[in-house]
Amino acid sequence: MIIEKPPEAVVKTPDIERIIEMLLALSPERIKEAADFIDYLAERELKHKIFVEETLAAAVNPEKVTFNNSKTLIKAALESVAENS
């Protein structure tokens, strides 16, 4: 997965420096585990950012949709999730 670096990640913070030092002490297997976990966190962060942007956009341009019953509402929600996956 390729993640776009946010501007604040370009600057090395004390936390980034500390993490780099810790990584240098790890075995290749543990480094792979750390990289996989960081990929997971980055993906969650990206999904959260997209969710926030979509929520804010929806708040600015609300569309009113009327559903006749809860089954129609649930079906529309599930179809929407499937389209975005």
Protein backbone atom coordinates (compact mmCIF):
# COMPACT_ATOMS: atom_id res chain seq x y z
CA MET A 1 0.00 0.00 0.00
CA ILE A 2 1.32 3.44 -0.92
CA ILE A 3 0.40 6.15 1.54
CA GLU A 4 0.80 9.82 0.76
CA LYS A 5 3.00 11.46 3.40
CA PRO A 6 1.34 14.32 5.24
CA PRO A 7 3.51 17.46 5.52
CA GLU A 8 3.98 17.02 9.28
CA ALA A 9 5.52 13.55 8.73
CA VAL A 10 8.40 15.06 6.75
CA VAL A 11 9.78 16.73 9.87
CA LYS A 12 11.49 14.28 12.22
CA THR A 13 9.93 14.62 15.63
CA PRO A 14 11.41 13.20 18.85
CA ASP A 15 8.90 10.34 18.59
CA ILE A 16 9.99 9.50 15.05
CA GLU A 17 13.65 9.58 16.08
CA ARG A 18 12.89 7.29 19.04
CA ILE A 19 10.99 4.84 16.81
CA ILE A 20 13.87 4.74 14.31
CA GLU A 21 16.31 3.97 17.13
CA MET A 22 14.08 1.16 18.39
CA LEU A 23 13.70 -0.30 14.89
CA LEU A 24 17.47 -0.53 14.52
CA ALA A 25 17.55 -2.88 17.52
CA LEU A 26 14.92 -5.27 16.12
CA SER A 27 15.35 -8.47 14.15
CA PRO A 28 14.23 -8.52 10.49
CA GLU A 29 11.13 -10.50 11.47
CA ARG A 30 10.12 -7.93 14.09
CA ILE A 31 10.79 -5.08 11.65
CA LYS A 32 8.39 -6.77 9.19
CA GLU A 33 5.76 -7.04 11.95
CA ALA A 34 6.22 -3.36 12.81
CA ALA A 35 5.95 -2.38 9.14
CA ASP A 36 2.76 -4.42 8.75
CA PHE A 37 1.25 -2.78 11.82
CA ILE A 38 2.22 0.69 10.58
CA ASP A 39 0.58 -0.13 7.22
CA TYR A 40 -2.57 -1.10 9.13
CA LEU A 41 -2.54 2.15 11.12
CA ALA A 42 -1.90 4.24 8.00
CA GLU A 43 -4.79 2.57 6.19
CA ARG A 44 -7.12 3.22 9.13
CA GLU A 45 -5.96 6.84 9.27
CA LEU A 46 -6.63 7.26 5.54
CA LYS A 47 -10.10 5.70 5.84
CA HIS A 48 -10.87 7.97 8.80
CA LYS A 49 -9.73 11.04 6.85
CA ILE A 50 -11.97 10.07 3.92
CA PHE A 51 -14.89 9.46 6.30
CA VAL A 52 -14.45 12.89 7.90
CA GLU A 53 -14.21 14.61 4.50
CA GLU A 54 -17.33 12.83 3.24
CA THR A 55 -19.22 13.61 6.44
CA LEU A 56 -18.30 17.30 6.26
CA ALA A 57 -19.26 17.41 2.57
CA ALA A 58 -22.59 15.76 3.34
CA ALA A 59 -23.25 18.30 6.11
CA VAL A 60 -22.70 21.15 3.65
CA ASN A 61 -24.91 19.59 0.96
CA PRO A 62 -27.55 17.55 2.75
CA GLU A 63 -29.72 15.39 0.56
CA LYS A 64 -33.04 14.37 1.98
CA VAL A 65 -33.99 10.80 1.18
CA THR A 66 -37.22 9.26 2.38
CA PHE A 67 -37.49 5.54 3.01
CA ASN A 68 -40.80 3.78 3.32
CA ASN A 69 -39.53 1.21 5.81
CA SER A 70 -36.43 0.06 7.66
CA LYS A 71 -35.74 -2.77 5.18
CA THR A 72 -35.34 -0.27 2.34
CA LEU A 73 -33.09 1.89 4.51
CA ILE A 74 -30.85 -1.04 5.48
CA LYS A 75 -30.68 -2.26 1.87
CA ALA A 76 -29.64 1.21 0.65
CA ALA A 77 -27.01 1.50 3.38
CA LEU A 78 -25.53 -1.91 2.58
CA GLU A 79 -25.47 -1.16 -1.16
CA SER A 80 -23.72 2.14 -0.44
CA VAL A 81 -21.07 0.40 1.64
CA ALA A 82 -20.57 -2.24 -1.07
CA GLU A 83 -20.11 0.47 -3.73
CA ASN A 84 -17.45 2.22 -1.64
CA SER A 85 -15.44 -0.91 -0.86
